[in-house]
Amino acid sequence: MVKFKFIKKLLSITMIFASLFLLCSCARYTSSYKALGLVKNQTSHSIDVRFRSLQGQLVYKLKKSKAQTEGNVSYSLQVDEGEIVLYYDANGVKEELARAKPGETVEDVGGYVEGGHTVYIIIEATEKARGRICVELDHEYY
């Protein structure tokens, strides 16, 4: 009887630690999309994404490498079909950077990024979209 209680307690503790590990290791954002002709090029501080058809959400993690630097997010959206919304999260809050409709090209700099921090870039297409997106953490400070 004593061994059964000990094994039950040990299994309970193991399950609690396993659950905590799984909860803590989950990503903040996840990609969920359908795509045709998706070509991605990513470095630690930039992405270049082209797609013939995209629907859903693409998520990328970028990092400002030098800890004592700060800067902005440079981005370029070119949309031939559909609508694309570009978001970023550098401090725990998802903020919209840009929105582009068919035939529009948007180039700008926005969003504040501190050095050494991870930045999530979120691309959302609610309907099938075609275009190209380039995002780079302000390379002027590298």
Foldseek 3Di string as FASTA:
>chain_A
DVVVVVVVVVVVVVVVVVVVVVVVPDDPDDWDKDFDPWDWDDDQFKIKIFGAWIATKDKDKHAQADQQDKFWKWKKWAWQAAKKWKWKDFDNDIDTDDIDHHGDMDTDIDDIHGHGTMMMIMMHTHGIIGTMMMMGTPPPVD
